[in-house]
Amino acid sequence: MNAPWKAGTSNGRDPFAAFICDEGALDVLRPVVIEMGWQPEKCAKGGLRNAIQSLSISASPNILMVDLSESGDPLNDINALAEVCEPGTVVIAIGQVNDVRLYRDLLTSGIHDYLLKPLSASQVRDALVQAQAVFSAPKANDGSVAKRHISTAVIGTRGGVGASTLATSLGWQFATQDNLPTALLDLDLHFGTDALALDLEPGRGLTDAIDNPSRIDGLFIERAMIRAHENLSILSAEAPINSPLMTDGAAFMQLEEEFRHAFEMTVIDFPRNMLVNFPHLISDVNVVLLVTEMTLASARDAIRILSWLKTNAPHAMPLVVANRVQPGTGEISRADFEASIESKINFMIPFDHKAAVNAAKLGQTFVEANRSSKATAVMRDIATAVIGVSDEASDEVLASAGNKSLLGKFDIKSLLAKKDKGAASREREAAE
């Protein structure tokens, strides 16, 4: 309903309409409407169902006020209203239920504001002025202005390396600290944890998109995405384990396209198996953050993924992020790891178990829950690096791998020998 509205265009719609259940609320509303320069006749008697019936045969106003007092299921009725509302309509709901959870759910569903009865003139005036500001304020999404957009895929070399922790933290950083409208897309349909990290229910938005790719547009994005912050919206799923992923990936491509129009930043929590099943999803990604640990298995898979990116996504800038780094305890030293993958480790996030536990207990992203952590400082640096990337294809791609084979680049025996030698040396020192 509150889809992006292009400033400077004449949409030919009424500026305001209201559907109110009781005369008392109408008596408060009409003088304010006259004060705003609108027609008091646009304040009609009737609630949400009357609004749905009326708007199904007529154009939606710019600002719509609806009364939920007679609605037995406000959220479902609001969804029905969204089906008949045109994009750009700002909806203000009023009702009698003083429930914070309902308020949040209504805002998530696309409502601009929720006013509690009994209404006061000042309360109504402030809400209408704020709604009107949506249209009068300069909009970066004006079609005449090319909006900058950066898409970032966060890929873990192995399960459990912390890719989702980094993805949610980056999304939160972009939205709250950098004030950039951000979309967070969790492509792990069955076991994704991004919504959980934000203390949110995943909703059905992503599964609905997969089932009906043709429905994906700006209005669908607005309704389907769960809002975690004013500037951060998430699209995820918690599909039943007995429901396999049945899609050709068209829905994901359409979602990414809509994100480019609606947001300035997109963060994709990208399970590595998606590279195998849907390689085309990486075609419009600007930055790939490859999250790894300093282990033999992660080094092997980092080599394979970096090689895949070089062949299939040469336009994307790869940044290697070593996570949960504990000096002196890794299976492989940094020098040996970098030599094996033939790429530098761009960022090293120190291991901080207490901070991770704290974030989980608070139901917050890592960076939000642990603002002074050293790990958070590195994540902020990563966010800064990503923001600095332009939409143009990066000239900084992986160095040529030459004719070396995978086993030639990744000498497991040599690394294990170094590891065993180091362990033996530590044992001798302990004995002495």
Protein backbone atom coordinates (compact mmCIF):
# COMPACT_ATOMS: atom_id res chain seq x y z
CA MET A 1 0.00 0.00 0.00
CA ASN A 2 2.72 2.44 0.97
CA ALA A 3 4.68 1.58 -2.16
CA PRO A 4 7.16 4.15 -3.51
CA TRP A 5 5.35 7.12 -5.00
CA LYS A 6 6.99 9.15 -7.73
CA ALA A 7 7.06 12.82 -6.77
CA GLY A 8 6.11 15.32 -9.40
CA THR A 9 3.63 13.08 -11.21
CA SER A 10 -0.11 13.67 -11.30
CA ASN A 11 -1.85 10.47 -10.35
CA GLY A 12 -5.39 11.82 -10.82
CA ARG A 13 -6.54 10.43 -7.47
CA ASP A 14 -8.38 12.06 -4.59
CA PRO A 15 -6.01 13.39 -1.92
CA PHE A 16 -7.95 11.82 0.96
CA ALA A 17 -10.75 9.46 1.90
CA ALA A 18 -11.92 7.96 5.21
CA PHE A 19 -14.22 5.13 6.23
CA ILE A 20 -15.21 5.56 9.88
CA CYS A 21 -17.57 3.42 11.95
CA ASP A 22 -19.00 5.91 14.48
CA GLU A 23 -20.29 9.46 14.40
CA GLY A 24 -18.08 10.55 17.31
CA ALA A 25 -14.90 9.84 15.37
CA LEU A 26 -16.37 11.49 12.27
CA ASP A 27 -17.15 14.64 14.27
CA VAL A 28 -13.49 14.85 15.29
CA LEU A 29 -12.16 14.05 11.81
CA ARG A 30 -14.24 16.34 9.57
CA PRO A 31 -13.02 19.72 10.96
CA VAL A 32 -9.40 18.58 10.61
CA VAL A 33 -10.06 17.46 7.03
CA ILE A 34 -11.53 20.87 6.21
CA GLU A 35 -8.50 22.49 7.82
CA MET A 36 -6.25 20.40 5.54
CA GLY A 37 -8.14 21.73 2.52
CA TRP A 38 -9.89 18.47 1.66
CA GLN A 39 -13.57 17.72 1.13
CA PRO A 40 -15.42 16.61 4.29
CA GLU A 41 -17.73 14.54 2.07
CA LYS A 42 -14.81 12.12 1.64
CA CYS A 43 -15.33 11.05 5.27
CA ALA A 44 -17.80 8.22 4.81
CA LYS A 45 -19.70 6.17 7.36
CA GLY A 46 -18.52 2.56 7.44
CA GLY A 47 -15.46 0.57 8.40
CA LEU A 48 -12.80 -1.49 6.72
CA ARG A 49 -15.17 -3.72 4.79
CA ASN A 50 -16.89 -0.68 3.31
CA ALA A 51 -13.49 0.63 2.26
CA ILE A 52 -12.65 -2.64 0.50
CA GLN A 53 -15.99 -2.67 -1.31
CA SER A 54 -15.69 0.95 -2.40
CA LEU A 55 -12.05 0.79 -3.53
CA SER A 56 -12.66 -2.37 -5.53
CA ILE A 57 -14.64 -0.27 -8.03
CA SER A 58 -12.92 3.13 -7.70
CA ALA A 59 -9.42 4.58 -7.59
CA SER A 60 -7.59 4.67 -4.27
CA PRO A 61 -6.92 8.06 -2.65
CA ASN A 62 -3.43 9.26 -1.82
CA ILE A 63 -4.22 9.05 1.93
CA LEU A 64 -6.74 6.55 3.23
CA MET A 65 -8.06 6.37 6.80
CA VAL A 66 -9.89 3.17 7.77
CA ASP A 67 -11.64 2.15 10.96
CA LEU A 68 -10.86 -1.34 12.28
CA SER A 69 -13.33 -1.21 15.16
CA GLU A 70 -15.80 -3.64 13.56
CA SER A 71 -13.14 -5.96 12.15
CA GLY A 72 -12.90 -9.40 13.76
CA ASP A 73 -9.53 -10.16 12.12
CA PRO A 74 -7.75 -6.85 11.41
CA LEU A 75 -4.61 -8.35 9.85
CA ASN A 76 -6.47 -10.49 7.33
CA ASP A 77 -8.80 -7.62 6.52
CA ILE A 78 -5.83 -5.31 5.97
CA ASN A 79 -4.39 -7.84 3.53
CA ALA A 80 -7.72 -7.82 1.70
CA LEU A 81 -7.55 -4.03 1.59
CA ALA A 82 -4.07 -4.23 0.10
CA GLU A 83 -5.47 -6.27 -2.78
CA VAL A 84 -7.69 -3.35 -3.90
CA CYS A 85 -5.38 -0.45 -2.94
CA GLU A 86 -3.17 1.02 -5.64
CA PRO A 87 0.58 1.44 -4.99
CA GLY A 88 1.34 4.76 -3.34
CA THR A 89 -1.67 4.87 -1.02
CA VAL A 90 -0.74 5.80 2.54
CA VAL A 91 -3.07 4.04 4.96
CA ILE A 92 -3.84 5.24 8.49
CA ALA A 93 -5.81 2.79 10.62
CA ILE A 94 -7.82 3.64 13.72
CA GLY A 95 -9.23 1.23 16.27
CA GLN A 96 -10.13 0.45 19.86
CA VAL A 97 -7.58 -2.29 20.63
CA ASN A 98 -4.60 -1.02 22.64
CA ASP A 99 -2.14 -3.80 21.83
CA VAL A 100 1.52 -3.23 21.00
CA ARG A 101 1.73 -6.51 19.10
CA LEU A 102 -1.21 -5.55 16.90
CA TYR A 103 0.37 -2.14 16.31
CA ARG A 104 3.63 -3.74 15.17
CA ASP A 105 1.87 -6.28 12.99
CA LEU A 106 -0.13 -3.54 11.30
CA LEU A 107 2.98 -1.50 10.58
CA THR A 108 4.68 -4.60 9.21
CA SER A 109 1.72 -5.23 6.90
CA GLY A 110 2.19 -1.78 5.32
CA ILE A 111 0.04 0.51 7.46
CA HIS A 112 1.54 3.98 7.88
CA ASP A 113 0.12 4.64 11.36
CA TYR A 114 -2.40 3.33 13.89
CA LEU A 115 -4.49 5.72 15.99
CA LEU A 116 -6.31 4.65 19.14
CA LYS A 117 -9.85 5.75 19.91
CA PRO A 118 -11.17 8.05 21.23
CA LEU A 119 -9.62 10.36 18.66
CA SER A 120 -8.42 13.87 19.37
CA ALA A 121 -8.12 16.63 16.81
CA SER A 122 -4.41 17.13 17.46
CA GLN A 123 -3.76 13.40 17.15
CA VAL A 124 -5.56 13.20 13.80
CA ARG A 125 -3.94 16.40 12.51
CA ASP A 126 -0.41 15.15 13.30
CA ALA A 127 -1.07 11.80 11.60
CA LEU A 128 -2.42 13.43 8.45
CA VAL A 129 0.43 15.94 8.29
CA GLN A 130 2.96 13.10 8.54
CA ALA A 131 1.12 11.15 5.86
CA GLN A 132 1.06 14.19 3.61
CA ALA A 133 4.81 14.58 4.12
CA VAL A 134 5.28 11.23 2.40
CA PHE A 135 4.23 12.91 -0.83
CA SER A 136 5.76 16.36 -0.40
CA ALA A 137 9.23 15.22 0.67
CA PRO A 138 11.89 14.79 -2.06
CA LYS A 139 12.14 11.18 -3.13
CA ALA A 140 15.33 9.43 -4.13
CA ASN A 141 13.23 6.88 -6.00
CA ASP A 142 12.09 9.40 -8.57
CA GLY A 143 12.31 7.65 -11.93
CA SER A 144 14.39 10.54 -13.32
CA VAL A 145 17.13 9.88 -10.79
CA ALA A 146 19.39 6.85 -11.11
CA LYS A 147 19.45 5.21 -7.72
CA ARG A 148 22.70 3.69 -6.54
CA HIS A 149 22.32 0.08 -5.48
CA ILE A 150 24.81 -2.44 -4.15
CA SER A 151 24.00 -6.13 -3.90
CA THR A 152 26.13 -8.24 -1.56
CA ALA A 153 26.12 -12.04 -1.36
CA VAL A 154 27.41 -13.57 1.87
CA ILE A 155 28.58 -17.16 1.29
CA GLY A 156 30.03 -19.52 3.88
CA THR A 157 32.66 -22.02 2.84
CA ARG A 158 31.17 -24.47 5.34
CA GLY A 159 28.04 -24.66 7.43
CA GLY A 160 28.45 -22.91 10.76
CA VAL A 161 31.28 -20.54 9.83
CA GLY A 162 29.13 -17.51 10.70
CA ALA A 163 27.89 -16.32 7.30
CA SER A 164 24.38 -15.65 8.62
CA THR A 165 25.76 -13.75 11.61
CA LEU A 166 27.71 -11.51 9.24
CA ALA A 167 24.78 -11.09 6.84
CA THR A 168 22.34 -9.95 9.52
CA SER A 169 24.95 -7.69 11.10
CA LEU A 170 25.74 -6.03 7.77
CA GLY A 171 22.05 -5.50 7.05
CA TRP A 172 21.57 -3.90 10.46
CA GLN A 173 24.68 -1.75 10.03
CA PHE A 174 23.61 -0.47 6.60
CA ALA A 175 20.10 0.33 7.85
CA THR A 176 20.75 1.85 11.27
CA GLN A 177 24.21 3.39 11.14
CA ASP A 178 24.46 4.27 7.46
CA ASN A 179 20.73 5.09 7.07
CA LEU A 180 20.45 3.15 3.82
CA PRO A 181 17.20 1.37 2.85
CA THR A 182 18.26 -2.27 2.99
CA ALA A 183 16.77 -5.61 1.97
CA LEU A 184 17.93 -8.83 3.63
CA LEU A 185 17.17 -12.00 1.68
CA ASP A 186 17.71 -15.37 3.38
CA LEU A 187 17.85 -18.06 0.70
CA ASP A 188 18.01 -20.96 3.13
CA LEU A 189 14.32 -21.75 2.87
CA HIS A 190 14.25 -24.63 5.33
CA PHE A 191 16.85 -23.79 7.97
CA GLY A 192 17.56 -20.07 7.62
CA THR A 193 18.27 -18.16 10.82
CA ASP A 194 18.26 -14.52 9.72
CA ALA A 195 14.73 -13.81 10.98
CA LEU A 196 15.53 -15.66 14.19
CA ALA A 197 18.60 -13.47 14.73
CA LEU A 198 16.34 -10.42 14.44
CA ASP A 199 13.76 -11.94 16.82
CA LEU A 200 11.14 -12.05 14.07
CA GLU A 201 8.77 -14.62 12.62
CA PRO A 202 9.87 -15.39 9.04
CA GLY A 203 6.37 -15.16 7.57
CA ARG A 204 5.27 -16.66 4.24
CA GLY A 205 6.59 -13.99 1.91
CA LEU A 206 9.42 -15.98 0.36
CA THR A 207 7.43 -19.18 -0.10
CA ASP A 208 4.58 -17.18 -1.66
CA ALA A 209 7.06 -15.61 -4.06
CA ILE A 210 8.37 -19.03 -5.11
CA ASP A 211 4.85 -20.37 -5.60
CA ASN A 212 3.71 -17.33 -7.61
CA PRO A 213 6.66 -15.57 -9.32
CA SER A 214 4.29 -13.62 -11.57
CA ARG A 215 2.87 -11.79 -8.53
CA ILE A 216 6.22 -10.28 -7.56
CA ASP A 217 6.14 -6.51 -7.93
CA GLY A 218 6.67 -3.45 -5.77
CA LEU A 219 3.40 -3.93 -3.91
CA PHE A 220 4.15 -7.60 -3.25
CA ILE A 221 7.59 -6.70 -1.88
CA GLU A 222 6.05 -4.15 0.48
CA ARG A 223 3.47 -6.60 1.80
CA ALA A 224 5.61 -9.74 1.93
CA MET A 225 8.73 -8.41 3.61
CA ILE A 226 8.97 -8.24 7.38
CA ARG A 227 10.21 -4.92 8.70
CA ALA A 228 12.97 -5.20 11.30
CA HIS A 229 13.75 -1.48 11.30
CA GLU A 230 12.60 1.62 9.49
CA ASN A 231 15.34 0.99 6.91
CA LEU A 232 15.65 -2.80 7.10
CA SER A 233 13.22 -5.35 5.66
CA ILE A 234 13.76 -9.10 5.57
CA LEU A 235 12.40 -11.81 3.33
CA SER A 236 12.87 -15.35 4.60
CA ALA A 237 11.04 -18.63 5.11
CA GLU A 238 10.73 -21.61 7.38
CA ALA A 239 9.49 -24.18 4.89
CA PRO A 240 8.47 -27.64 6.14
CA ILE A 241 11.29 -30.16 5.96
CA ASN A 242 9.11 -32.47 3.87
CA SER A 243 8.62 -29.74 1.23
CA PRO A 244 11.49 -29.78 -1.29
CA LEU A 245 12.52 -26.61 -3.08
CA MET A 246 10.59 -26.68 -6.37
CA THR A 247 11.63 -23.68 -8.43
CA ASP A 248 13.73 -22.77 -11.42
CA GLY A 249 15.03 -19.69 -9.62
CA ALA A 250 12.88 -17.22 -11.59
CA ALA A 251 11.29 -15.95 -8.38
CA PHE A 252 14.70 -15.18 -6.86
CA MET A 253 15.78 -13.26 -9.94
CA GLN A 254 12.54 -11.25 -9.90
CA LEU A 255 12.99 -10.49 -6.21
CA GLU A 256 16.51 -9.20 -6.79
CA GLU A 257 15.20 -7.00 -9.61
CA GLU A 258 12.50 -5.49 -7.38
CA PHE A 259 15.03 -4.95 -4.59
CA ARG A 260 17.14 -2.83 -6.93
CA HIS A 261 14.19 -0.48 -7.41
CA ALA A 262 13.02 -0.37 -3.80
CA PHE A 263 16.28 -0.37 -1.79
CA GLU A 264 19.79 0.99 -1.90
CA MET A 265 21.43 -2.09 -0.39
CA THR A 266 20.65 -5.79 -0.75
CA VAL A 267 22.28 -8.41 1.47
CA ILE A 268 21.76 -12.01 0.35
CA ASP A 269 22.47 -14.81 2.80
CA PHE A 270 23.54 -17.21 0.07
CA PRO A 271 23.88 -20.92 0.95
CA ARG A 272 26.74 -22.41 -1.03
CA ASN A 273 24.53 -25.11 -2.57
CA MET A 274 22.68 -22.30 -4.37
CA LEU A 275 25.81 -21.78 -6.48
CA VAL A 276 25.25 -25.29 -7.83
CA ASN A 277 21.49 -25.16 -8.28
CA PHE A 278 20.98 -21.51 -9.30
CA PRO A 279 24.29 -20.08 -10.57
CA HIS A 280 22.47 -17.25 -12.39
CA LEU A 281 21.47 -15.67 -9.05
CA ILE A 282 24.97 -14.28 -8.69
CA SER A 283 24.84 -12.47 -12.04
CA ASP A 284 23.78 -9.11 -10.59
CA VAL A 285 25.74 -9.26 -7.33
CA ASN A 286 28.39 -6.56 -6.85
CA VAL A 287 30.26 -7.98 -3.86
CA VAL A 288 30.75 -11.54 -2.63
CA LEU A 289 31.83 -11.94 0.98
CA LEU A 290 33.32 -15.40 1.33
CA VAL A 291 33.19 -16.29 5.02
CA THR A 292 35.64 -18.96 6.14
CA GLU A 293 37.44 -20.46 9.08
CA MET A 294 41.12 -21.28 9.23
CA THR A 295 40.64 -25.00 8.67
CA LEU A 296 41.67 -27.50 6.02
CA ALA A 297 38.09 -28.10 4.89
CA SER A 298 37.37 -24.38 4.63
CA ALA A 299 40.57 -23.78 2.68
CA ARG A 300 39.65 -26.49 0.20
CA ASP A 301 36.15 -25.08 -0.33
CA ALA A 302 37.39 -21.49 -0.46
CA ILE A 303 39.60 -22.51 -3.40
CA ARG A 304 36.67 -24.12 -5.18
CA ILE A 305 34.26 -21.21 -4.61
CA LEU A 306 36.79 -18.54 -5.58
CA SER A 307 37.55 -20.48 -8.76
CA TRP A 308 33.82 -20.75 -9.48
CA LEU A 309 33.36 -17.01 -8.97
CA LYS A 310 36.22 -16.21 -11.30
CA THR A 311 34.55 -18.22 -14.06
CA ASN A 312 30.89 -17.47 -13.43
CA ALA A 313 30.89 -14.02 -11.81
CA PRO A 314 34.04 -12.15 -12.88
CA HIS A 315 32.21 -8.84 -12.39
CA ALA A 316 31.73 -9.39 -8.64
CA MET A 317 34.36 -8.29 -6.15
CA PRO A 318 35.30 -11.18 -3.84
CA LEU A 319 36.33 -10.35 -0.28
CA VAL A 320 37.60 -13.15 1.94
CA VAL A 321 36.50 -12.88 5.57
CA ALA A 322 38.09 -15.17 8.15
CA ASN A 323 35.70 -15.56 11.07
CA ARG A 324 36.14 -16.78 14.66
CA VAL A 325 39.89 -16.24 14.50
CA GLN A 326 41.80 -17.32 17.60
CA PRO A 327 45.55 -16.64 17.41
CA GLY A 328 47.63 -19.78 17.71
CA THR A 329 44.71 -22.21 17.59
CA GLY A 330 43.87 -22.46 13.88
CA GLU A 331 44.55 -25.59 11.87
CA ILE A 332 46.33 -23.46 9.29
CA SER A 333 48.32 -20.27 9.70
CA ARG A 334 47.20 -17.17 7.87
CA ALA A 335 50.20 -17.26 5.54
CA ASP A 336 49.60 -20.89 4.58
CA PHE A 337 45.87 -20.29 4.16
CA GLU A 338 46.44 -17.33 1.84
CA ALA A 339 49.04 -19.25 -0.12
CA SER A 340 46.64 -22.15 -0.58
CA ILE A 341 43.69 -20.09 -1.81
CA GLU A 342 45.99 -17.72 -3.77
CA SER A 343 44.16 -14.75 -2.34
CA LYS A 344 44.56 -12.43 0.60
CA ILE A 345 42.31 -12.62 3.62
CA ASN A 346 40.72 -9.17 3.53
CA PHE A 347 39.21 -9.19 7.02
CA MET A 348 39.76 -11.24 10.16
CA ILE A 349 36.97 -11.30 12.74
CA PRO A 350 38.21 -12.35 16.20
CA PHE A 351 36.41 -15.12 18.06
CA ASP A 352 34.11 -13.77 20.78
CA HIS A 353 31.91 -16.51 22.23
CA LYS A 354 30.44 -14.33 24.99
CA ALA A 355 29.36 -11.70 22.48
CA ALA A 356 27.67 -14.33 20.30
CA VAL A 357 25.79 -15.73 23.30
CA ASN A 358 24.77 -12.21 24.33
CA ALA A 359 23.32 -11.49 20.88
CA ALA A 360 21.34 -14.75 20.92
CA LYS A 361 19.91 -14.05 24.38
CA LEU A 362 18.87 -10.52 23.44
CA GLY A 363 17.39 -11.54 20.09
CA GLN A 364 19.54 -8.96 18.34
CA THR A 365 22.13 -8.94 15.58
CA PHE A 366 25.74 -9.32 16.67
CA VAL A 367 26.65 -5.69 15.96
CA GLU A 368 23.57 -4.32 17.71
CA ALA A 369 24.07 -6.39 20.86
CA ASN A 370 27.84 -5.90 21.08
CA ARG A 371 28.64 -2.36 20.03
CA SER A 372 32.06 -2.25 21.71
CA SER A 373 33.25 -5.71 20.66
CA LYS A 374 36.40 -6.01 18.56
CA ALA A 375 34.49 -8.35 16.26
CA THR A 376 31.85 -5.66 15.74
CA ALA A 377 34.56 -3.16 14.79
CA VAL A 378 35.73 -5.48 12.01
CA MET A 379 32.16 -5.97 10.79
CA ARG A 380 31.79 -2.20 10.59
CA ASP A 381 34.95 -2.07 8.48
CA ILE A 382 33.46 -4.70 6.17
CA ALA A 383 30.29 -2.63 5.82
CA THR A 384 32.36 0.43 4.94
CA ALA A 385 34.25 -1.54 2.30
CA VAL A 386 31.02 -2.79 0.74
CA ILE A 387 29.47 0.68 0.63
CA GLY A 388 32.58 1.92 -1.15
CA VAL A 389 31.95 -0.44 -4.06
CA SER A 390 30.27 1.12 -7.08
CA ASP A 391 27.68 -0.55 -9.28
CA GLU A 392 30.26 -0.79 -12.02
CA ALA A 393 32.06 -4.10 -12.42
CA SER A 394 35.15 -4.17 -10.25
CA ASP A 395 38.57 -4.27 -11.85
CA GLU A 396 39.85 -6.11 -8.81
CA VAL A 397 39.13 -9.74 -9.61
CA LEU A 398 40.92 -12.85 -8.50
CA ALA A 399 44.45 -13.38 -9.74
CA SER A 400 44.80 -15.94 -12.48
CA ALA A 401 45.02 -19.49 -11.21
CA GLY A 402 47.22 -20.55 -14.11
CA ASN A 403 47.27 -24.21 -14.99
CA LYS A 404 47.47 -25.50 -11.43
CA SER A 405 45.02 -28.18 -10.42
CA LEU A 406 43.02 -28.05 -7.23
CA LEU A 407 45.32 -30.51 -5.52
CA GLY A 408 48.32 -28.59 -6.77
CA LYS A 409 47.10 -25.41 -5.11
CA PHE A 410 45.99 -27.13 -1.94
CA ASP A 411 48.84 -29.27 -0.63
CA ILE A 412 47.08 -30.99 2.26
CA LYS A 413 50.05 -33.16 3.16
CA SER A 414 52.33 -30.15 3.40
CA LEU A 415 49.91 -28.23 5.60
CA LEU A 416 49.33 -31.22 7.84
CA ALA A 417 53.08 -31.71 8.14
CA LYS A 418 53.47 -28.10 9.25
CA LYS A 419 50.62 -28.53 11.71
CA ASP A 420 52.10 -31.74 13.16
CA LYS A 421 55.55 -30.17 13.34
CA GLY A 422 54.19 -27.22 15.27
CA ALA A 423 52.34 -29.48 17.66
CA ALA A 424 55.46 -31.55 18.28
CA SER A 425 57.45 -28.42 18.99
CA ARG A 426 54.86 -27.25 21.55
CA GLU A 427 54.96 -30.67 23.24
CA ARG A 428 58.76 -30.50 23.58
CA GLU A 429 58.52 -27.02 25.06
CA ALA A 430 55.91 -28.22 27.57
CA ALA A 431 58.11 -31.20 28.56
CA GLU A 432 61.08 -28.95 29.18
